[in-house]
Amino acid sequence: MILTPELVQRFEYHQADAVESLLTRSLSVPGNPEGYALYHDGTIRAMRSTNPRASLATQTCGAAGQPADVLRRVVEFFNAGRVPARLRIEPDRFTSARDDGSNP
């Protein structure tokens, strides 16, 4: 199987769907003790938790190739919760060294 940028992006969004589904249910817990919050802006989806042990719940997907002002709003979303921003930037193409069909 050749790992294409499209396949990487699909995986990234499936992972974000799963985490967002869990957080959406958790948002209904009275008082939101984990400090969960969701952010959407076009293709960007960001999730945060004020619980430092909930690193899976603190992530961003869809940030690759976005303009600086859009990414600034994502960082502001994290700053508003006093949580360090986590933006995973997926490559939109592979380097020639890895683009030989040998990707796992």
PDB file of N, CA and C in Angstrom:
ATOM      1  N   MET A   1       0.848  -1.174   0.000  1.00  0.00           N
ATOM      2  CA  MET A   1       0.000   0.000   0.000  1.00  0.00           C
ATOM      3  C   MET A   1       0.893   1.237   0.000  1.00  0.00           C
ATOM      4  N   ILE A   2       0.576   2.162  -0.848  1.00  0.00           N
ATOM      5  CA  ILE A   2       1.296   3.426  -0.882  1.00  0.00           C
ATOM      6  C   ILE A   2       0.532   4.421  -0.018  1.00  0.00           C
ATOM      7  N   LEU A   3       1.240   5.022   0.904  1.00  0.00           N
ATOM      8  CA  LEU A   3       0.644   5.990   1.818  1.00  0.00           C
ATOM      9  C   LEU A   3       0.592   7.347   1.120  1.00  0.00           C
ATOM     10  N   THR A   4      -0.579   7.718   0.653  1.00  0.00           N
ATOM     11  CA  THR A   4      -0.742   8.974  -0.069  1.00  0.00           C
ATOM     12  C   THR A   4      -1.140  10.086   0.894  1.00  0.00           C
ATOM     13  N   PRO A   5      -0.933  11.343   0.513  1.00  0.00           N
ATOM     14  CA  PRO A   5      -1.380  12.456   1.358  1.00  0.00           C
ATOM     15  C   PRO A   5      -2.891  12.396   1.641  1.00  0.00           C
ATOM     16  N   GLU A   6      -3.662  11.946   0.664  1.00  0.00           N
ATOM     17  CA  GLU A   6      -5.110  11.853   0.854  1.00  0.00           C
ATOM     18  C   GLU A   6      -5.455  10.819   1.926  1.00  0.00           C
ATOM     19  N   LEU A   7      -4.733   9.710   1.925  1.00  0.00           N
ATOM     20  CA  LEU A   7      -4.973   8.668   2.928  1.00  0.00           C
ATOM     21  C   LEU A   7      -4.585   9.160   4.322  1.00  0.00           C
ATOM     22  N   VAL A   8      -3.479   9.876   4.414  1.00  0.00           N
ATOM     23  CA  VAL A   8      -3.063  10.452   5.691  1.00  0.00           C
ATOM     24  C   VAL A   8      -4.132  11.413   6.197  1.00  0.00           C
ATOM     25  N   GLN A   9      -4.650  12.254   5.308  1.00  0.00           N
ATOM     26  CA  GLN A   9      -5.686  13.221   5.698  1.00  0.00           C
ATOM     27  C   GLN A   9      -6.958  12.505   6.141  1.00  0.00           C
ATOM     28  N   ARG A  10      -7.358  11.458   5.432  1.00  0.00           N
ATOM     29  CA  ARG A  10      -8.553  10.702   5.838  1.00  0.00           C
ATOM     30  C   ARG A  10      -8.378  10.115   7.223  1.00  0.00           C
ATOM     31  N   PHE A  11      -7.201   9.531   7.493  1.00  0.00           N
ATOM     32  CA  PHE A  11      -6.928   8.969   8.813  1.00  0.00           C
ATOM     33  C   PHE A  11      -6.999  10.062   9.875  1.00  0.00           C
ATOM     34  N   GLU A  12      -6.392  11.214   9.586  1.00  0.00           N
ATOM     35  CA  GLU A  12      -6.391  12.320  10.545  1.00  0.00           C
ATOM     36  C   GLU A  12      -7.826  12.726  10.902  1.00  0.00           C
ATOM     37  N   TYR A  13      -8.699  12.831   9.904  1.00  0.00           N
ATOM     38  CA  TYR A  13     -10.080  13.226  10.180  1.00  0.00           C
ATOM     39  C   TYR A  13     -10.872  12.129  10.883  1.00  0.00           C
ATOM     40  N   HIS A  14     -10.588  10.862  10.585  1.00  0.00           N
ATOM     41  CA  HIS A  14     -11.267   9.777  11.311  1.00  0.00           C
ATOM     42  C   HIS A  14     -10.880   9.805  12.788  1.00  0.00           C
ATOM     43  N   GLN A  15      -9.600  10.053  13.052  1.00  0.00           N
ATOM     44  CA  GLN A  15      -9.156  10.151  14.440  1.00  0.00           C
ATOM     45  C   GLN A  15      -9.838  11.339  15.114  1.00  0.00           C
ATOM     46  N   ALA A  16      -9.903  12.472  14.442  1.00  0.00           N
ATOM     47  CA  ALA A  16     -10.553  13.647  15.010  1.00  0.00           C
ATOM     48  C   ALA A  16     -12.043  13.380  15.257  1.00  0.00           C
ATOM     49  N   ASP A  17     -12.697  12.656  14.347  1.00  0.00           N
ATOM     50  CA  ASP A  17     -14.109  12.301  14.537  1.00  0.00           C
ATOM     51  C   ASP A  17     -14.305  11.520  15.832  1.00  0.00           C
ATOM     52  N   ALA A  18     -13.423  10.551  16.069  1.00  0.00           N
ATOM     53  CA  ALA A  18     -13.543   9.720  17.268  1.00  0.00           C
ATOM     54  C   ALA A  18     -13.358  10.551  18.535  1.00  0.00           C
ATOM     55  N   VAL A  19     -12.324  11.381  18.559  1.00  0.00           N
ATOM     56  CA  VAL A  19     -12.062  12.200  19.745  1.00  0.00           C
ATOM     57  C   VAL A  19     -13.195  13.202  19.943  1.00  0.00           C
ATOM     58  N   GLU A  20     -13.642  13.839  18.868  1.00  0.00           N
ATOM     59  CA  GLU A  20     -14.724  14.816  18.985  1.00  0.00           C
ATOM     60  C   GLU A  20     -16.003  14.163  19.481  1.00  0.00           C
ATOM     61  N   SER A  21     -16.282  12.948  19.054  1.00  0.00           N
ATOM     62  CA  SER A  21     -17.466  12.231  19.517  1.00  0.00           C
ATOM     63  C   SER A  21     -17.413  12.023  21.029  1.00  0.00           C
ATOM     64  N   LEU A  22     -16.260  11.611  21.531  1.00  0.00           N
ATOM     65  CA  LEU A  22     -16.102  11.422  22.975  1.00  0.00           C
ATOM     66  C   LEU A  22     -16.255  12.743  23.728  1.00  0.00           C
ATOM     67  N   LEU A  23     -15.636  13.805  23.198  1.00  0.00           N
ATOM     68  CA  LEU A  23     -15.710  15.094  23.879  1.00  0.00           C
ATOM     69  C   LEU A  23     -17.125  15.655  23.861  1.00  0.00           C
ATOM     70  N   THR A  24     -17.830  15.467  22.767  1.00  0.00           N
ATOM     71  CA  THR A  24     -19.200  15.985  22.676  1.00  0.00           C
ATOM     72  C   THR A  24     -20.064  15.378  23.772  1.00  0.00           C
ATOM     73  N   ARG A  25     -19.921  14.101  24.012  1.00  0.00           N
ATOM     74  CA  ARG A  25     -20.668  13.457  25.095  1.00  0.00           C
ATOM     75  C   ARG A  25     -20.218  13.997  26.444  1.00  0.00           C
ATOM     76  N   SER A  26     -18.924  14.198  26.607  1.00  0.00           N
ATOM     77  CA  SER A  26     -18.383  14.682  27.878  1.00  0.00           C
ATOM     78  C   SER A  26     -18.792  16.121  28.179  1.00  0.00           C
ATOM     79  N   LEU A  27     -19.093  16.890  27.147  1.00  0.00           N
ATOM     80  CA  LEU A  27     -19.514  18.287  27.356  1.00  0.00           C
ATOM     81  C   LEU A  27     -20.834  18.363  28.117  1.00  0.00           C
ATOM     82  N   SER A  28     -21.599  17.269  28.119  1.00  0.00           N
ATOM     83  CA  SER A  28     -22.882  17.272  28.824  1.00  0.00           C
ATOM     84  C   SER A  28     -22.737  16.970  30.318  1.00  0.00           C
ATOM     85  N   VAL A  29     -21.529  16.639  30.768  1.00  0.00           N
ATOM     86  CA  VAL A  29     -21.298  16.385  32.200  1.00  0.00           C
ATOM     87  C   VAL A  29     -21.414  17.720  32.933  1.00  0.00           C
ATOM     88  N   PRO A  30     -22.246  17.793  33.958  1.00  0.00           N
ATOM     89  CA  PRO A  30     -22.427  19.062  34.680  1.00  0.00           C
ATOM     90  C   PRO A  30     -21.096  19.647  35.160  1.00  0.00           C
ATOM     91  N   GLY A  31     -20.889  20.907  34.853  1.00  0.00           N
ATOM     92  CA  GLY A  31     -19.687  21.620  35.276  1.00  0.00           C
ATOM     93  C   GLY A  31     -18.476  21.406  34.382  1.00  0.00           C
ATOM     94  N   ASN A  32     -18.557  20.488  33.406  1.00  0.00           N
ATOM     95  CA  ASN A  32     -17.461  20.212  32.473  1.00  0.00           C
ATOM     96  C   ASN A  32     -16.118  20.143  33.220  1.00  0.00           C
ATOM     97  N   PRO A  33     -15.959  19.182  34.150  1.00  0.00           N
ATOM     98  CA  PRO A  33     -14.767  19.153  35.005  1.00  0.00           C
ATOM     99  C   PRO A  33     -13.447  18.968  34.267  1.00  0.00           C
ATOM    100  N   GLU A  34     -13.477  18.439  33.064  1.00  0.00           N
ATOM    101  CA  GLU A  34     -12.249  18.247  32.295  1.00  0.00           C
ATOM    102  C   GLU A  34     -11.919  19.467  31.435  1.00  0.00           C
ATOM    103  N   GLY A  35     -12.795  20.459  31.418  1.00  0.00           N
ATOM    104  CA  GLY A  35     -12.542  21.680  30.655  1.00  0.00           C
ATOM    105  C   GLY A  35     -12.491  21.471  29.152  1.00  0.00           C
ATOM    106  N   TYR A  36     -13.342  20.592  28.636  1.00  0.00           N
ATOM    107  CA  TYR A  36     -13.355  20.303  27.207  1.00  0.00           C
ATOM    108  C   TYR A  36     -13.959  21.470  26.428  1.00  0.00           C
ATOM    109  N   ALA A  37     -13.430  21.692  25.233  1.00  0.00           N
ATOM    110  CA  ALA A  37     -13.976  22.687  24.314  1.00  0.00           C
ATOM    111  C   ALA A  37     -13.651  22.251  22.891  1.00  0.00           C
ATOM    112  N   LEU A  38     -14.525  22.615  21.964  1.00  0.00           N
ATOM    113  CA  LEU A  38     -14.358  22.276  20.549  1.00  0.00           C
ATOM    114  C   LEU A  38     -14.320  23.562  19.731  1.00  0.00           C
ATOM    115  N   TYR A  39     -13.566  23.520  18.631  1.00  0.00           N
ATOM    116  CA  TYR A  39     -13.440  24.677  17.745  1.00  0.00           C
ATOM    117  C   TYR A  39     -13.439  24.188  16.302  1.00  0.00           C
ATOM    118  N   HIS A  40     -14.243  24.832  15.462  1.00  0.00           N
ATOM    119  CA  HIS A  40     -14.288  24.519  14.034  1.00  0.00           C
ATOM    120  C   HIS A  40     -14.100  25.818  13.257  1.00  0.00           C
ATOM    121  N   ASP A  41     -13.284  25.757  12.215  1.00  0.00           N
ATOM    122  CA  ASP A  41     -13.102  26.894  11.312  1.00  0.00           C
ATOM    123  C   ASP A  41     -12.753  26.328   9.951  1.00  0.00           C
ATOM    124  N   GLY A  42     -13.730  26.223   9.076  1.00  0.00           N
ATOM    125  CA  GLY A  42     -13.498  25.594   7.776  1.00  0.00           C
ATOM    126  C   GLY A  42     -13.119  24.141   7.969  1.00  0.00           C
ATOM    127  N   THR A  43     -11.939  23.760   7.447  1.00  0.00           N
ATOM    128  CA  THR A  43     -11.494  22.370   7.578  1.00  0.00           C
ATOM    129  C   THR A  43     -10.757  22.100   8.891  1.00  0.00           C
ATOM    130  N   ILE A  44     -10.509  23.148   9.663  1.00  0.00           N
ATOM    131  CA  ILE A  44      -9.789  22.983  10.930  1.00  0.00           C
ATOM    132  C   ILE A  44     -10.753  22.549  12.025  1.00  0.00           C
ATOM    133  N   ARG A  45     -10.317  21.533  12.767  1.00  0.00           N
ATOM    134  CA  ARG A  45     -11.061  21.083  13.944  1.00  0.00           C
ATOM    135  C   ARG A  45     -10.076  21.008  15.087  1.00  0.00           C
ATOM    136  N   ALA A  46     -10.370  21.726  16.160  1.00  0.00           N
ATOM    137  CA  ALA A  46      -9.495  21.729  17.327  1.00  0.00           C
ATOM    138  C   ALA A  46     -10.293  21.326  18.550  1.00  0.00           C
ATOM    139  N   MET A  47      -9.632  20.618  19.439  1.00  0.00           N
ATOM    140  CA  MET A  47     -10.227  20.170  20.689  1.00  0.00           C
ATOM    141  C   MET A  47      -9.233  20.453  21.797  1.00  0.00           C
ATOM    142  N   ARG A  48      -9.750  20.812  22.955  1.00  0.00           N
ATOM    143  CA  ARG A  48      -8.831  21.054  24.078  1.00  0.00           C
ATOM    144  C   ARG A  48      -9.462  20.568  25.371  1.00  0.00           C
ATOM    145  N   SER A  49      -8.575  20.300  26.323  1.00  0.00           N
ATOM    146  CA  SER A  49      -8.975  19.947  27.671  1.00  0.00           C
ATOM    147  C   SER A  49      -8.024  20.664  28.614  1.00  0.00           C
ATOM    148  N   THR A  50      -8.562  21.145  29.716  1.00  0.00           N
ATOM    149  CA  THR A  50      -7.702  21.785  30.714  1.00  0.00           C
ATOM    150  C   THR A  50      -7.036  20.756  31.619  1.00  0.00           C
ATOM    151  N   ASN A  51      -7.378  19.493  31.462  1.00  0.00           N
ATOM    152  CA  ASN A  51      -6.743  18.409  32.207  1.00  0.00           C
ATOM    153  C   ASN A  51      -5.409  18.091  31.538  1.00  0.00           C
ATOM    154  N   PRO A  52      -4.285  18.326  32.196  1.00  0.00           N
ATOM    155  CA  PRO A  52      -2.984  18.082  31.559  1.00  0.00           C
ATOM    156  C   PRO A  52      -2.741  16.620  31.199  1.00  0.00           C
ATOM    157  N   ARG A  53      -3.490  15.695  31.789  1.00  0.00           N
ATOM    158  CA  ARG A  53      -3.334  14.268  31.475  1.00  0.00           C
ATOM    159  C   ARG A  53      -4.220  13.840  30.312  1.00  0.00           C
ATOM    160  N   ALA A  54      -4.977  14.751  29.745  1.00  0.00           N
ATOM    161  CA  ALA A  54      -5.884  14.421  28.635  1.00  0.00           C
ATOM    162  C   ALA A  54      -5.286  14.881  27.306  1.00  0.00           C
ATOM    163  N   SER A  55      -4.056  14.452  27.042  1.00  0.00           N
ATOM    164  CA  SER A  55      -3.378  14.928  25.827  1.00  0.00           C
ATOM    165  C   SER A  55      -4.090  14.494  24.550  1.00  0.00           C
ATOM    166  N   LEU A  56      -4.749  13.342  24.560  1.00  0.00           N
ATOM    167  CA  LEU A  56      -5.485  12.906  23.371  1.00  0.00           C
ATOM    168  C   LEU A  56      -6.601  13.885  23.031  1.00  0.00           C
ATOM    169  N   ALA A  57      -7.155  14.526  24.052  1.00  0.00           N
ATOM    170  CA  ALA A  57      -8.264  15.456  23.851  1.00  0.00           C
ATOM    171  C   ALA A  57      -7.786  16.857  23.505  1.00  0.00           C
ATOM    172  N   THR A  58      -6.495  17.037  23.346  1.00  0.00           N
ATOM    173  CA  THR A  58      -5.961  18.351  23.009  1.00  0.00           C
ATOM    174  C   THR A  58      -5.174  18.214  21.719  1.00  0.00           C
ATOM    175  N   GLN A  59      -5.827  18.593  20.612  1.00  0.00           N
ATOM    176  CA  GLN A  59      -5.221  18.440  19.304  1.00  0.00           C
ATOM    177  C   GLN A  59      -5.943  19.280  18.273  1.00  0.00           C
ATOM    178  N   THR A  60      -5.308  19.418  17.128  1.00  0.00           N
ATOM    179  CA  THR A  60      -5.892  20.134  15.994  1.00  0.00           C
ATOM    180  C   THR A  60      -5.634  19.313  14.743  1.00  0.00           C
ATOM    181  N   CYS A  61      -6.618  19.240  13.883  1.00  0.00           N
ATOM    182  CA  CYS A  61      -6.385  18.617  12.578  1.00  0.00           C
ATOM    183  C   CYS A  61      -6.886  19.567  11.499  1.00  0.00           C
ATOM    184  N   GLY A  62      -6.351  19.391  10.309  1.00  0.00           N
ATOM    185  CA  GLY A  62      -6.740  20.237   9.188  1.00  0.00           C
ATOM    186  C   GLY A  62      -5.982  21.544   9.122  1.00  0.00           C
ATOM    187  N   ALA A  63      -4.868  21.653   9.831  1.00  0.00           N
ATOM    188  CA  ALA A  63      -4.119  22.917   9.880  1.00  0.00           C
ATOM    189  C   ALA A  63      -3.121  23.077   8.738  1.00  0.00           C
ATOM    190  N   ALA A  64      -2.745  21.990   8.085  1.00  0.00           N
ATOM    191  CA  ALA A  64      -1.743  22.064   7.026  1.00  0.00           C
ATOM    192  C   ALA A  64      -2.221  22.981   5.902  1.00  0.00           C
ATOM    193  N   GLY A  65      -1.349  23.872   5.488  1.00  0.00           N
ATOM    194  CA  GLY A  65      -1.632  24.750   4.361  1.00  0.00           C
ATOM    195  C   GLY A  65      -2.551  25.920   4.655  1.00  0.00           C
ATOM    196  N   GLN A  66      -2.904  26.136   5.907  1.00  0.00           N
ATOM    197  CA  GLN A  66      -3.818  27.222   6.268  1.00  0.00           C
ATOM    198  C   GLN A  66      -3.044  28.543   6.387  1.00  0.00           C
ATOM    199  N   PRO A  67      -3.705  29.662   6.073  1.00  0.00           N
ATOM    200  CA  PRO A  67      -3.047  30.964   6.224  1.00  0.00           C
ATOM    201  C   PRO A  67      -2.801  31.303   7.693  1.00  0.00           C
ATOM    202  N   ALA A  68      -1.842  32.184   7.919  1.00  0.00           N
ATOM    203  CA  ALA A  68      -1.422  32.543   9.272  1.00  0.00           C
ATOM    204  C   ALA A  68      -2.569  33.066  10.119  1.00  0.00           C
ATOM    205  N   ASP A  69      -3.486  33.860   9.548  1.00  0.00           N
ATOM    206  CA  ASP A  69      -4.577  34.418  10.361  1.00  0.00           C
ATOM    207  C   ASP A  69      -5.522  33.325  10.853  1.00  0.00           C
ATOM    208  N   VAL A  70      -5.713  32.295  10.061  1.00  0.00           N
ATOM    209  CA  VAL A  70      -6.562  31.173  10.478  1.00  0.00           C
ATOM    210  C   VAL A  70      -5.882  30.408  11.615  1.00  0.00           C
ATOM    211  N   LEU A  71      -4.591  30.150  11.470  1.00  0.00           N
ATOM    212  CA  LEU A  71      -3.855  29.446  12.525  1.00  0.00           C
ATOM    213  C   LEU A  71      -3.779  30.281  13.791  1.00  0.00           C
ATOM    214  N   ARG A  72      -3.710  31.588  13.649  1.00  0.00           N
ATOM    215  CA  ARG A  72      -3.691  32.475  14.819  1.00  0.00           C
ATOM    216  C   ARG A  72      -4.980  32.308  15.628  1.00  0.00           C
ATOM    217  N   ARG A  73      -6.116  32.181  14.948  1.00  0.00           N
ATOM    218  CA  ARG A  73      -7.388  31.987  15.666  1.00  0.00           C
ATOM    219  C   ARG A  73      -7.400  30.658  16.420  1.00  0.00           C
ATOM    220  N   VAL A  74      -6.776  29.635  15.847  1.00  0.00           N
ATOM    221  CA  VAL A  74      -6.692  28.341  16.526  1.00  0.00           C
ATOM    222  C   VAL A  74      -5.843  28.479  17.792  1.00  0.00           C
ATOM    223  N   VAL A  75      -4.712  29.151  17.672  1.00  0.00           N
ATOM    224  CA  VAL A  75      -3.847  29.354  18.834  1.00  0.00           C
ATOM    225  C   VAL A  75      -4.584  30.169  19.894  1.00  0.00           C
ATOM    226  N   GLU A  76      -5.371  31.156  19.476  1.00  0.00           N
ATOM    227  CA  GLU A  76      -6.163  31.954  20.428  1.00  0.00           C
ATOM    228  C   GLU A  76      -7.188  31.082  21.148  1.00  0.00           C
ATOM    229  N   PHE A  77      -7.767  30.105  20.450  1.00  0.00           N
ATOM    230  CA  PHE A  77      -8.701  29.162  21.074  1.00  0.00           C
ATOM    231  C   PHE A  77      -8.008  28.416  22.218  1.00  0.00           C
ATOM    232  N   PHE A  78      -6.799  27.933  21.975  1.00  0.00           N
ATOM    233  CA  PHE A  78      -6.053  27.241  23.031  1.00  0.00           C
ATOM    234  C   PHE A  78      -5.674  28.206  24.146  1.00  0.00           C
ATOM    235  N   ASN A  79      -5.205  29.407  23.776  1.00  0.00           N
ATOM    236  CA  ASN A  79      -4.827  30.397  24.788  1.00  0.00           C
ATOM    237  C   ASN A  79      -5.999  30.760  25.688  1.00  0.00           C
ATOM    238  N   ALA A  80      -7.206  30.833  25.131  1.00  0.00           N
ATOM    239  CA  ALA A  80      -8.390  31.186  25.917  1.00  0.00           C
ATOM    240  C   ALA A  80      -8.638  30.170  27.034  1.00  0.00           C
ATOM    241  N   GLY A  81      -8.230  28.925  26.813  1.00  0.00           N
ATOM    242  CA  GLY A  81      -8.380  27.899  27.844  1.00  0.00           C
ATOM    243  C   GLY A  81      -7.117  27.694  28.654  1.00  0.00           C
ATOM    244  N   ARG A  82      -6.110  28.537  28.389  1.00  0.00           N
ATOM    245  CA  ARG A  82      -4.809  28.418  29.062  1.00  0.00           C
ATOM    246  C   ARG A  82      -4.209  27.028  28.889  1.00  0.00           C
ATOM    247  N   VAL A  83      -4.315  26.545  27.651  1.00  0.00           N
ATOM    248  CA  VAL A  83      -3.811  25.224  27.281  1.00  0.00           C
ATOM    249  C   VAL A  83      -2.805  25.420  26.140  1.00  0.00           C
ATOM    250  N   PRO A  84      -1.620  24.819  26.215  1.00  0.00           N
ATOM    251  CA  PRO A  84      -0.665  24.941  25.110  1.00  0.00           C
ATOM    252  C   PRO A  84      -1.262  24.416  23.805  1.00  0.00           C
ATOM    253  N   ALA A  85      -1.099  25.173  22.744  1.00  0.00           N
ATOM    254  CA  ALA A  85      -1.639  24.780  21.434  1.00  0.00           C
ATOM    255  C   ALA A  85      -0.921  23.551  20.902  1.00  0.00           C
ATOM    256  N   ARG A  86      -1.689  22.649  20.309  1.00  0.00           N
ATOM    257  CA  ARG A  86      -1.136  21.463  19.652  1.00  0.00           C
ATOM    258  C   ARG A  86      -1.711  21.409  18.252  1.00  0.00           C
ATOM    259  N   LEU A  87      -0.876  21.698  17.272  1.00  0.00           N
ATOM    260  CA  LEU A  87      -1.283  21.655  15.875  1.00  0.00           C
ATOM    261  C   LEU A  87      -0.421  20.637  15.156  1.00  0.00           C
ATOM    262  N   ARG A  88      -1.050  19.612  14.662  1.00  0.00           N
ATOM    263  CA  ARG A  88      -0.340  18.585  13.910  1.00  0.00           C
ATOM    264  C   ARG A  88      -0.393  19.005  12.439  1.00  0.00           C
ATOM    265  N   ILE A  89       0.763  19.220  11.843  1.00  0.00           N
ATOM    266  CA  ILE A  89       0.828  19.630  10.441  1.00  0.00           C
ATOM    267  C   ILE A  89       1.234  18.404   9.627  1.00  0.00           C
ATOM    268  N   GLU A  90       0.295  17.900   8.845  1.00  0.00           N
ATOM    269  CA  GLU A  90       0.580  16.742   8.005  1.00  0.00           C
ATOM    270  C   GLU A  90       1.192  17.234   6.696  1.00  0.00           C
ATOM    271  N   PRO A  91       2.174  16.509   6.170  1.00  0.00           N
ATOM    272  CA  PRO A  91       2.797  16.922   4.910  1.00  0.00           C
ATOM    273  C   PRO A  91       1.816  16.788   3.752  1.00  0.00           C
ATOM    274  N   ASP A  92       1.935  17.686   2.780  1.00  0.00           N
ATOM    275  CA  ASP A  92       1.051  17.559   1.618  1.00  0.00           C
ATOM    276  C   ASP A  92       1.741  16.813   0.494  1.00  0.00           C
ATOM    277  N   ARG A  93       2.984  16.460   0.704  1.00  0.00           N
ATOM    278  CA  ARG A  93       3.683  15.577  -0.230  1.00  0.00           C
ATOM    279  C   ARG A  93       4.859  14.959   0.519  1.00  0.00           C
ATOM    280  N   PHE A  94       5.323  13.851   0.013  1.00  0.00           N
ATOM    281  CA  PHE A  94       6.440  13.170   0.649  1.00  0.00           C
ATOM    282  C   PHE A  94       7.752  13.625   0.023  1.00  0.00           C
ATOM    283  N   THR A  95       8.830  13.473   0.768  1.00  0.00           N
ATOM    284  CA  THR A  95      10.141  13.791   0.209  1.00  0.00           C
ATOM    285  C   THR A  95      10.514  12.700  -0.791  1.00  0.00           C
ATOM    286  N   SER A  96      11.423  13.018  -1.668  1.00  0.00           N
ATOM    287  CA  SER A  96      11.832  12.031  -2.671  1.00  0.00           C
ATOM    288  C   SER A  96      12.417  10.781  -2.020  1.00  0.00           C
ATOM    289  N   ALA A  97      13.021  10.929  -0.870  1.00  0.00           N
ATOM    290  CA  ALA A  97      13.590   9.779  -0.183  1.00  0.00           C
ATOM    291  C   ALA A  97      12.521   8.797   0.284  1.00  0.00           C
ATOM    292  N   ARG A  98      11.315   9.273   0.569  1.00  0.00           N
ATOM    293  CA  ARG A  98      10.242   8.402   1.070  1.00  0.00           C
ATOM    294  C   ARG A  98       9.172   8.172   0.018  1.00  0.00           C
ATOM    295  N   ASP A  99       9.218   8.835  -1.112  1.00  0.00           N
ATOM    296  CA  ASP A  99       8.159   8.748  -2.105  1.00  0.00           C
ATOM    297  C   ASP A  99       8.490   7.697  -3.161  1.00  0.00           C
ATOM    298  N   ASP A 100       9.016   6.567  -2.719  1.00  0.00           N
ATOM    299  CA  ASP A 100       9.434   5.527  -3.647  1.00  0.00           C
ATOM    300  C   ASP A 100       8.509   4.309  -3.589  1.00  0.00           C
ATOM    301  N   GLY A 101       7.360   4.473  -2.921  1.00  0.00           N
ATOM    302  CA  GLY A 101       6.427   3.364  -2.796  1.00  0.00           C
ATOM    303  C   GLY A 101       6.732   2.440  -1.647  1.00  0.00           C
ATOM    304  N   SER A 102       7.770   2.748  -0.869  1.00  0.00           N
ATOM    305  CA  SER A 102       8.146   1.881   0.257  1.00  0.00           C
ATOM    306  C   SER A 102       7.506   2.307   1.568  1.00  0.00           C
ATOM    307  N   ASN A 103       6.606   3.287   1.504  1.00  0.00           N
ATOM    308  CA  ASN A 103       5.945   3.738   2.740  1.00  0.00           C
ATOM    309  C   ASN A 103       5.146   2.592   3.331  1.00  0.00           C
ATOM    310  N   PRO A 104       5.235   2.433   4.645  1.00  0.00           N
ATOM    311  CA  PRO A 104       4.513   1.313   5.289  1.00  0.00           C
ATOM    312  C   PRO A 104       3.017   1.479   5.194  1.00  0.00           C
TER     313      PRO A 104
END
